[in-house]
Amino acid sequence: MQLSTQIVGDPSEFDFRHRLLNLISFIGLLLCLFIAVSSHWLIEIELTLALYTTFVLTSLGYVFSRFFGNPTIAYTLFYVVTVFGVASNYIYGAGHKETSLFWLFTATVLITLGSPKAWIKYIIAGLIAMFLILFFIDINYPNIIVSSYENDSQFYADLTISILVGLIFCGLGIYLFAKQSDKEKDEVEKKSIELKKQRDEFEKLNAEKLKLLSIISHDFKAPLDSIDSALSFYNEGIIEEKNLRQQLLAQTRNTSQLLTNLLLWSNNQIINTKPDLKPIEINKILEKVFFTYVPIADQKNILLQLCNISFTEVIGDEQLLSLCLRNLVNNAIKFSNEGAVVKIKVIKHKKHITIKIIDDGIGINILKQKEILNQKIDSTYGTHNEKGIGLGLQITMESLAKMNSKLKIISETDKGSTFYFDLPLAPPI
């Protein structure tokens, strides 16, 4: 524990005013002890005893405040000490001809810094009233006032010591007060930042929770309703068995992809798992995604092509990369018309590869592209009214970011889209 914390108390146990009182009390007892020890050869024995008494009372106030946690007794003792000390110094130190005014000023500064705000005006009024009473006695009953100086040298020596010590301790008190205030301000600002961060995280989690509930309540219900309708039409003889199989296959695959995205997304929100970045064979992952989506593309009479594929190792997370490719290929098929072509293309560079998913579908306008890249994605429908909620693209961008990559878009309305990203090549073995 730091020395300053040992003197004023731990912030977790004492509030700012209480710690400030501990600080001023500690400065006060050092001040009393210093004056008593350094000036006892210059002044009367009565004043020396008064100074030591002041030191004892100040020490008691510090002990009650710092170690017993009772600031009220400490405030009271501190005020009594101030009155007793200044009055003793005035009476036994030549009255208004001595340094009492300076000590009153010093005591006022220190006691003002260490007292509760509600007490300050009463304390200052009491000190001023006390000094006016002493001055009245000094003028009207001068015989009560004792001169402690045998010559001018002693007076100027005491005056010099009083001014220097008073200025030092006033300056120290003000400096420490300012330092404590700044420290307290920094702590408040730090806590404010932490609270804001926690509030933002809470709002984000709450928004994600609402989104999750929306997906479960609405988007899972839609394909189930569609399956129910298809089965009803089949039972009524409205559609043939072949058409039923096609609709069921499309709906179940679409729902399966949605469920996969949802599970991975929710897992990432809760656990925030770290990627397993290592050398992986990109051709195997691309082939697996390609053969998975060929039947789905055939349902819409779309030609799915795999271009420029060769053995290449890149640095990435196999699960995340497979998920990104499935989402991008699924979107390309979803937003392409019948008879279109969707290409999965790989371009190899010196230190990295670029993977492109190219379609000649409905395209995306500039405003929508910006919204996608800013992850402000709304529900959309494909060319065959396939339901989409934008979760796939969001997960794709989050997954690419974990692999130190970034999704990029080239698109024009009614002229198709190209979604692409880069991955570093694995170093040769």
Protein backbone atom coordinates (compact mmCIF):
# COMPACT_ATOMS: atom_id res chain seq x y z
CA MET A 1 0.00 0.00 0.00
CA GLN A 2 1.32 3.49 -0.88
CA LEU A 3 2.34 5.87 1.93
CA SER A 4 -0.29 8.43 0.86
CA THR A 5 -2.99 5.76 1.05
CA GLN A 6 -1.81 4.72 4.51
CA ILE A 7 -2.01 8.35 5.68
CA VAL A 8 -5.36 9.39 4.19
CA GLY A 9 -7.08 6.00 3.91
CA ASP A 10 -8.16 3.73 1.09
CA PRO A 11 -10.68 5.26 -1.37
CA SER A 12 -12.78 2.10 -1.07
CA GLU A 13 -13.24 2.76 2.68
CA PHE A 14 -13.26 6.59 2.90
CA ASP A 15 -15.02 9.13 0.70
CA PHE A 16 -13.22 12.18 -0.69
CA ARG A 17 -14.09 14.60 2.18
CA HIS A 18 -13.17 12.03 4.81
CA ARG A 19 -9.79 11.37 3.19
CA LEU A 20 -9.24 15.11 2.86
CA LEU A 21 -9.94 15.53 6.59
CA ASN A 22 -7.37 12.82 7.34
CA LEU A 23 -4.88 14.64 5.17
CA ILE A 24 -5.43 18.07 6.75
CA SER A 25 -5.36 16.58 10.27
CA PHE A 26 -2.06 14.91 9.49
CA ILE A 27 -0.62 18.16 8.12
CA GLY A 28 -1.95 19.99 11.21
CA LEU A 29 -0.31 17.68 13.72
CA LEU A 30 3.01 17.92 11.85
CA LEU A 31 2.66 21.71 11.85
CA CYS A 32 1.97 21.85 15.61
CA LEU A 33 4.85 19.52 16.40
CA PHE A 34 7.25 21.45 14.20
CA ILE A 35 6.38 24.83 15.73
CA ALA A 36 6.51 23.47 19.29
CA VAL A 37 9.91 21.85 18.81
CA SER A 38 11.51 24.62 16.75
CA SER A 39 10.19 27.60 18.78
CA HIS A 40 10.22 26.45 22.40
CA TRP A 41 13.46 28.39 23.09
CA LEU A 42 11.90 31.62 21.79
CA ILE A 43 8.58 31.64 23.62
CA GLU A 44 7.06 31.32 27.09
CA ILE A 45 6.56 27.92 28.70
CA GLU A 46 2.79 28.47 28.71
CA LEU A 47 2.72 28.88 24.94
CA THR A 48 4.97 25.83 24.48
CA LEU A 49 2.57 23.75 26.57
CA ALA A 50 -0.34 25.13 24.54
CA LEU A 51 1.37 24.06 21.32
CA TYR A 52 2.00 20.54 22.63
CA THR A 53 -1.62 20.37 23.81
CA THR A 54 -2.71 21.43 20.34
CA PHE A 55 -0.52 18.70 18.89
CA VAL A 56 -2.12 16.07 21.15
CA LEU A 57 -5.67 17.18 20.31
CA THR A 58 -4.89 17.23 16.58
CA SER A 59 -3.40 13.74 16.85
CA LEU A 60 -6.53 12.51 18.59
CA GLY A 61 -8.68 14.01 15.83
CA TYR A 62 -6.55 12.27 13.19
CA VAL A 63 -6.75 8.92 15.02
CA PHE A 64 -10.55 9.15 15.41
CA SER A 65 -10.96 10.05 11.74
CA ARG A 66 -8.41 7.71 10.14
CA PHE A 67 -8.56 4.61 12.34
CA PHE A 68 -12.00 4.75 13.98
CA GLY A 69 -13.86 6.19 11.00
CA ASN A 70 -15.53 8.94 13.05
CA PRO A 71 -15.15 12.23 11.17
CA THR A 72 -17.63 14.14 13.36
CA ILE A 73 -15.38 13.90 16.43
CA ALA A 74 -12.40 14.77 14.26
CA TYR A 75 -14.13 17.88 12.84
CA THR A 76 -15.03 19.00 16.36
CA LEU A 77 -11.52 18.44 17.72
CA PHE A 78 -10.01 20.15 14.69
CA TYR A 79 -12.14 23.23 15.31
CA VAL A 80 -11.36 23.23 19.07
CA VAL A 81 -7.66 22.89 18.25
CA THR A 82 -7.84 25.86 15.89
CA VAL A 83 -9.61 28.04 18.44
CA PHE A 84 -7.34 26.92 21.29
CA GLY A 85 -4.15 27.23 19.26
CA VAL A 86 -4.81 30.66 17.79
CA ALA A 87 -6.17 32.03 21.10
CA SER A 88 -3.14 30.73 23.05
CA ASN A 89 -0.76 32.12 20.47
CA TYR A 90 -2.53 35.48 20.63
CA ILE A 91 -2.61 35.75 24.43
CA TYR A 92 0.89 34.41 25.07
CA GLY A 93 2.50 35.90 22.00
CA ALA A 94 2.09 39.70 22.33
CA GLY A 95 -1.45 39.90 20.93
CA HIS A 96 -1.98 41.88 17.75
CA LYS A 97 1.74 42.73 17.68
CA GLU A 98 2.60 39.09 17.05
CA THR A 99 1.91 36.60 14.21
CA SER A 100 -1.57 35.54 15.29
CA LEU A 101 -3.23 36.99 12.21
CA PHE A 102 -1.00 34.90 10.00
CA TRP A 103 -1.69 31.75 12.02
CA LEU A 104 -5.41 32.50 11.89
CA PHE A 105 -5.16 32.72 8.10
CA THR A 106 -3.20 29.43 7.94
CA ALA A 107 -5.66 27.67 10.24
CA THR A 108 -8.62 29.03 8.24
CA VAL A 109 -7.19 27.72 4.96
CA LEU A 110 -6.50 24.26 6.37
CA ILE A 111 -9.78 23.90 8.24
CA THR A 112 -11.73 25.14 5.22
CA LEU A 113 -10.09 22.55 2.99
CA GLY A 114 -10.84 19.75 5.42
CA SER A 115 -14.36 20.56 6.61
CA PRO A 116 -17.74 19.57 5.14
CA LYS A 117 -19.27 22.23 2.91
CA ALA A 118 -22.20 22.73 5.30
CA TRP A 119 -19.83 23.57 8.16
CA ILE A 120 -17.48 25.96 6.40
CA LYS A 121 -19.47 29.20 6.72
CA TYR A 122 -20.09 28.60 10.43
CA ILE A 123 -16.44 27.73 11.07
CA ILE A 124 -15.14 30.85 9.32
CA ALA A 125 -17.71 33.03 11.14
CA GLY A 126 -16.65 31.46 14.46
CA LEU A 127 -12.95 32.06 13.81
CA ILE A 128 -13.56 35.69 12.84
CA ALA A 129 -15.76 36.21 15.93
CA MET A 130 -13.05 34.64 18.12
CA PHE A 131 -10.38 36.93 16.71
CA LEU A 132 -12.57 40.03 17.15
CA ILE A 133 -13.11 39.07 20.81
CA LEU A 134 -9.37 38.60 21.33
CA PHE A 135 -8.65 41.93 19.63
CA PHE A 136 -11.24 43.63 21.85
CA ILE A 137 -9.56 42.17 24.96
CA ASP A 138 -6.14 43.19 23.64
CA ILE A 139 -7.22 46.83 23.18
CA ASN A 140 -9.31 47.24 26.33
CA TYR A 141 -7.48 44.89 28.74
CA PRO A 142 -3.84 44.93 27.57
CA ASN A 143 -2.57 43.57 30.91
CA ILE A 144 -4.06 40.15 30.03
CA ILE A 145 -1.86 39.86 26.95
CA VAL A 146 1.63 38.47 27.63
CA SER A 147 4.61 39.47 25.54
CA SER A 148 6.83 36.47 24.93
CA TYR A 149 9.64 38.37 23.24
CA GLU A 150 12.65 39.69 25.13
CA ASN A 151 13.91 41.67 22.15
CA ASP A 152 13.20 42.43 18.51
CA SER A 153 15.45 39.62 17.31
CA GLN A 154 13.18 37.01 18.87
CA PHE A 155 10.11 38.67 17.35
CA TYR A 156 11.58 38.73 13.85
CA ALA A 157 12.86 35.16 14.22
CA ASP A 158 9.38 33.97 15.24
CA LEU A 159 7.78 36.04 12.50
CA THR A 160 10.13 34.57 9.89
CA ILE A 161 9.52 31.00 11.06
CA SER A 162 5.77 31.56 11.21
CA ILE A 163 5.58 32.98 7.69
CA LEU A 164 7.80 30.32 6.14
CA VAL A 165 6.18 27.39 7.91
CA GLY A 166 2.68 28.78 7.38
CA LEU A 167 3.27 29.29 3.67
CA ILE A 168 4.80 25.83 3.31
CA PHE A 169 1.93 24.07 5.04
CA CYS A 170 -0.75 26.18 3.35
CA GLY A 171 0.88 25.48 0.00
CA LEU A 172 1.20 21.79 0.85
CA GLY A 173 -2.44 21.65 1.92
CA ILE A 174 -3.66 23.38 -1.24
CA TYR A 175 -1.39 21.22 -3.43
CA LEU A 176 -2.56 17.99 -1.85
CA PHE A 177 -6.17 19.16 -2.01
CA ALA A 178 -5.80 19.87 -5.72
CA LYS A 179 -4.02 16.55 -6.26
CA GLN A 180 -6.72 14.64 -4.40
CA SER A 181 -9.40 16.53 -6.34
CA ASP A 182 -7.75 15.65 -9.66
CA LYS A 183 -7.35 12.04 -8.58
CA GLU A 184 -10.98 11.92 -7.53
CA LYS A 185 -12.01 13.52 -10.81
CA ASP A 186 -9.97 10.97 -12.78
CA GLU A 187 -11.56 8.13 -10.81
CA VAL A 188 -15.04 9.53 -11.46
CA GLU A 189 -14.28 9.92 -15.18
CA LYS A 190 -12.85 6.40 -15.29
CA LYS A 191 -15.92 4.98 -13.60
CA SER A 192 -18.12 7.04 -15.93
CA ILE A 193 -16.33 5.59 -18.95
CA GLU A 194 -16.64 2.07 -17.53
CA LEU A 195 -20.34 2.59 -16.83
CA LYS A 196 -20.88 3.94 -20.35
CA LYS A 197 -19.02 0.95 -21.77
CA GLN A 198 -21.11 -1.44 -19.68
CA ARG A 199 -24.28 0.39 -20.70
CA ASP A 200 -23.32 0.20 -24.39
CA GLU A 201 -22.53 -3.49 -24.04
CA PHE A 202 -25.83 -4.06 -22.27
CA GLU A 203 -27.73 -2.18 -24.99
CA LYS A 204 -25.90 -4.18 -27.64
CA LEU A 205 -26.68 -7.47 -25.91
CA ASN A 206 -30.29 -6.39 -25.47
CA ALA A 207 -30.55 -5.51 -29.15
CA GLU A 208 -29.02 -8.87 -30.09
CA LYS A 209 -31.46 -10.62 -27.77
CA LEU A 210 -34.41 -8.86 -29.39
CA LYS A 211 -33.05 -9.74 -32.81
CA LEU A 212 -32.65 -13.37 -31.77
CA LEU A 213 -36.23 -13.48 -30.49
CA SER A 214 -37.43 -11.91 -33.73
CA ILE A 215 -35.61 -14.56 -35.76
CA ILE A 216 -37.00 -17.41 -33.69
CA SER A 217 -40.55 -16.06 -33.58
CA HIS A 218 -40.85 -14.95 -37.20
CA ASP A 219 -38.21 -16.32 -39.53
CA PHE A 220 -38.40 -19.91 -38.32
CA LYS A 221 -42.17 -19.77 -38.44
CA ALA A 222 -42.21 -18.66 -42.10
CA PRO A 223 -40.54 -21.77 -43.63
CA LEU A 224 -42.54 -24.05 -41.34
CA ASP A 225 -45.76 -22.37 -42.53
CA SER A 226 -44.55 -22.80 -46.10
CA ILE A 227 -43.94 -26.53 -45.55
CA ASP A 228 -47.37 -26.85 -43.96
CA SER A 229 -48.99 -25.10 -46.93
CA ALA A 230 -47.15 -27.31 -49.43
CA LEU A 231 -48.28 -30.46 -47.63
CA SER A 232 -51.87 -29.15 -47.52
CA PHE A 233 -51.81 -28.40 -51.28
CA TYR A 234 -50.46 -31.89 -51.95
CA ASN A 235 -53.19 -33.50 -49.86
CA GLU A 236 -55.78 -31.50 -51.77
CA GLY A 237 -54.25 -32.52 -55.10
CA ILE A 238 -53.29 -28.96 -56.03
CA ILE A 239 -49.58 -29.78 -56.53
CA GLU A 240 -47.86 -32.94 -57.66
CA GLU A 241 -45.44 -35.05 -55.66
CA LYS A 242 -42.46 -33.85 -57.70
CA ASN A 243 -43.23 -30.20 -56.95
CA LEU A 244 -43.81 -31.06 -53.31
CA ARG A 245 -40.37 -32.68 -53.03
CA GLN A 246 -38.73 -29.66 -54.64
CA GLN A 247 -40.45 -27.21 -52.29
CA LEU A 248 -39.72 -29.29 -49.22
CA LEU A 249 -36.07 -29.66 -50.23
CA ALA A 250 -35.65 -25.93 -50.82
CA GLN A 251 -37.36 -24.95 -47.57
CA THR A 252 -35.50 -27.45 -45.41
CA ARG A 253 -32.11 -26.47 -46.86
CA ASN A 254 -32.90 -22.79 -46.43
CA THR A 255 -34.01 -23.40 -42.83
CA SER A 256 -30.94 -25.55 -42.17
CA GLN A 257 -28.64 -22.77 -43.38
CA LEU A 258 -30.54 -20.28 -41.24
CA LEU A 259 -30.22 -22.55 -38.21
CA THR A 260 -26.48 -23.04 -38.78
CA ASN A 261 -25.94 -19.28 -39.02
CA LEU A 262 -28.07 -18.65 -35.98
CA LEU A 263 -26.25 -21.21 -33.82
CA LEU A 264 -22.81 -19.94 -34.80
CA TRP A 265 -23.85 -16.32 -34.40
CA SER A 266 -25.38 -16.87 -30.95
CA ASN A 267 -22.34 -18.91 -29.90
CA ASN A 268 -20.07 -16.08 -31.01
CA GLN A 269 -22.15 -13.49 -29.10
CA ILE A 270 -22.06 -15.50 -25.88
CA ILE A 271 -18.58 -17.07 -25.94
CA ASN A 272 -16.74 -14.97 -28.55
CA THR A 273 -14.54 -17.92 -29.48
CA LYS A 274 -11.12 -17.25 -30.95
CA PRO A 275 -10.33 -18.49 -34.48
CA ASP A 276 -8.03 -21.45 -35.07
CA LEU A 277 -5.74 -19.88 -37.68
CA LYS A 278 -3.54 -22.45 -39.43
CA PRO A 279 -2.61 -23.61 -42.95
CA ILE A 280 -5.66 -25.09 -44.73
CA GLU A 281 -6.22 -26.42 -48.26
CA ILE A 282 -8.56 -23.93 -49.89
CA ASN A 283 -9.36 -26.21 -52.85
CA LYS A 284 -10.94 -28.87 -50.61
CA ILE A 285 -13.14 -26.33 -48.82
CA LEU A 286 -14.24 -24.75 -52.12
CA GLU A 287 -15.07 -28.14 -53.65
CA LYS A 288 -17.14 -29.14 -50.63
CA VAL A 289 -19.13 -25.87 -50.76
CA PHE A 290 -19.52 -26.22 -54.55
CA PHE A 291 -20.98 -29.75 -54.43
CA THR A 292 -23.25 -28.76 -51.54
CA TYR A 293 -24.88 -25.95 -53.54
CA VAL A 294 -25.05 -27.49 -57.01
CA PRO A 295 -28.45 -29.14 -56.28
CA ILE A 296 -29.79 -25.90 -54.81
CA ALA A 297 -28.65 -23.96 -57.89
CA ASP A 298 -30.25 -26.58 -60.13
CA GLN A 299 -33.59 -25.93 -58.44
CA LYS A 300 -33.52 -22.44 -59.97
CA ASN A 301 -31.85 -23.57 -63.20
CA ILE A 302 -28.71 -21.65 -62.21
CA LEU A 303 -25.27 -22.77 -63.40
CA LEU A 304 -22.77 -22.89 -60.52
CA GLN A 305 -19.13 -22.81 -61.68
CA LEU A 306 -15.86 -23.39 -59.80
CA CYS A 307 -13.00 -21.57 -61.54
CA ASN A 308 -9.17 -21.60 -61.26
CA ILE A 309 -9.03 -24.16 -58.48
CA SER A 310 -5.66 -25.75 -57.66
CA PHE A 311 -3.86 -26.99 -54.57
CA THR A 312 -3.27 -23.90 -52.46
CA GLU A 313 -2.71 -23.51 -48.74
CA VAL A 314 -3.85 -20.35 -46.98
CA ILE A 315 -3.87 -19.19 -43.37
CA GLY A 316 -7.38 -19.25 -41.95
CA ASP A 317 -9.95 -21.00 -39.80
CA GLU A 318 -11.49 -23.90 -41.73
CA GLN A 319 -14.91 -23.71 -40.06
CA LEU A 320 -15.19 -19.91 -40.36
CA LEU A 321 -14.01 -19.92 -43.98
CA SER A 322 -16.47 -22.67 -44.94
CA LEU A 323 -19.26 -20.72 -43.26
CA CYS A 324 -18.34 -17.51 -45.15
CA LEU A 325 -18.28 -19.29 -48.50
CA ARG A 326 -21.61 -21.06 -47.87
CA ASN A 327 -23.29 -17.77 -46.98
CA LEU A 328 -21.89 -15.91 -50.00
CA VAL A 329 -22.74 -18.69 -52.46
CA ASN A 330 -26.20 -19.10 -50.92
CA ASN A 331 -26.85 -15.34 -51.33
CA ALA A 332 -25.58 -15.36 -54.91
CA ILE A 333 -28.03 -18.14 -55.81
CA LYS A 334 -30.86 -16.55 -53.83
CA PHE A 335 -30.58 -13.19 -55.64
CA SER A 336 -30.02 -14.57 -59.14
CA ASN A 337 -32.74 -15.20 -61.68
CA GLU A 338 -33.36 -18.51 -63.47
CA GLY A 339 -30.79 -19.29 -66.15
CA ALA A 340 -28.11 -17.16 -64.44
CA VAL A 341 -24.49 -18.12 -63.77
CA VAL A 342 -22.80 -18.00 -60.35
CA LYS A 343 -18.99 -18.32 -60.28
CA ILE A 344 -16.65 -19.21 -57.43
CA LYS A 345 -13.31 -17.86 -58.56
CA VAL A 346 -9.82 -17.87 -57.01
CA ILE A 347 -7.08 -15.44 -58.03
CA LYS A 348 -3.61 -16.23 -56.72
CA HIS A 349 -1.19 -13.41 -55.96
CA LYS A 350 2.38 -13.40 -54.68
CA LYS A 351 1.52 -13.39 -50.98
CA HIS A 352 -2.24 -13.90 -50.88
CA ILE A 353 -5.27 -15.17 -52.76
CA THR A 354 -8.52 -13.43 -53.61
CA ILE A 355 -11.74 -15.43 -53.47
CA LYS A 356 -14.61 -14.02 -55.51
CA ILE A 357 -18.29 -15.03 -55.60
CA ILE A 358 -19.67 -13.56 -58.83
CA ASP A 359 -23.29 -13.50 -59.96
CA ASP A 360 -25.29 -11.72 -62.68
CA GLY A 361 -28.33 -11.31 -60.48
CA ILE A 362 -30.39 -8.31 -59.37
CA GLY A 363 -27.39 -6.36 -58.00
CA ILE A 364 -27.13 -3.90 -55.10
CA ASN A 365 -27.27 -0.10 -55.20
CA ILE A 366 -24.53 2.04 -53.62
CA LEU A 367 -26.58 3.00 -50.56
CA LYS A 368 -27.41 -0.63 -49.80
CA GLN A 369 -23.74 -1.60 -50.22
CA LYS A 370 -22.74 0.94 -47.56
CA GLU A 371 -25.44 -0.35 -45.22
CA ILE A 372 -24.19 -3.92 -45.70
CA LEU A 373 -20.56 -3.00 -44.98
CA ASN A 374 -21.71 -1.07 -41.89
CA GLN A 375 -23.66 -4.18 -40.83
CA LYS A 376 -27.00 -2.37 -41.05
CA ILE A 377 -28.70 -5.27 -42.79
CA ASP A 378 -32.48 -5.72 -43.08
CA SER A 379 -34.64 -8.64 -44.09
CA THR A 380 -34.75 -9.25 -47.85
CA TYR A 381 -36.33 -11.72 -50.26
CA GLY A 382 -34.65 -13.63 -53.06
CA THR A 383 -35.83 -13.86 -56.66
CA HIS A 384 -38.08 -16.81 -55.69
CA ASN A 385 -39.22 -15.10 -52.48
CA GLU A 386 -36.60 -16.93 -50.39
CA LYS A 387 -36.64 -15.29 -46.95
CA GLY A 388 -33.42 -13.70 -45.74
CA ILE A 389 -32.68 -11.73 -42.58
CA GLY A 390 -29.16 -10.48 -43.33
CA LEU A 391 -27.66 -12.62 -40.59
CA GLY A 392 -25.49 -14.53 -43.06
CA LEU A 393 -23.68 -11.43 -44.29
CA GLN A 394 -23.23 -10.16 -40.75
CA ILE A 395 -21.68 -13.46 -39.66
CA THR A 396 -19.52 -13.50 -42.80
CA MET A 397 -18.05 -10.09 -42.03
CA GLU A 398 -17.49 -10.95 -38.37
CA SER A 399 -15.83 -14.24 -39.34
CA LEU A 400 -13.57 -12.59 -41.92
CA ALA A 401 -12.53 -9.99 -39.37
CA LYS A 402 -11.43 -12.81 -37.06
CA MET A 403 -9.24 -14.09 -39.90
CA ASN A 404 -7.80 -10.58 -40.42
CA SER A 405 -9.69 -10.15 -43.68
CA LYS A 406 -12.47 -7.91 -44.93
CA LEU A 407 -15.47 -8.34 -47.20
CA LYS A 408 -15.58 -6.12 -50.28
CA ILE A 409 -18.38 -5.55 -52.77
CA ILE A 410 -18.59 -4.57 -56.45
CA SER A 411 -22.17 -4.32 -57.62
CA GLU A 412 -24.59 -2.46 -59.83
CA THR A 413 -28.36 -2.68 -59.88
CA ASP A 414 -29.64 -5.28 -62.41
CA LYS A 415 -26.06 -6.13 -63.45
CA GLY A 416 -25.01 -8.54 -60.74
CA SER A 417 -22.64 -8.51 -57.78
CA THR A 418 -19.14 -9.61 -56.84
CA PHE A 419 -18.36 -10.33 -53.19
CA TYR A 420 -14.68 -10.95 -52.53
CA PHE A 421 -12.03 -11.11 -49.81
CA ASP A 422 -8.33 -11.89 -49.42
CA LEU A 423 -6.50 -14.52 -47.38
CA PRO A 424 -2.72 -14.79 -46.89
CA LEU A 425 -0.86 -17.72 -48.43
CA ALA A 426 0.62 -20.21 -46.02
CA PRO A 427 4.44 -20.06 -45.90
CA PRO A 428 6.14 -22.90 -47.75
CA ILE A 429 7.31 -25.79 -45.59
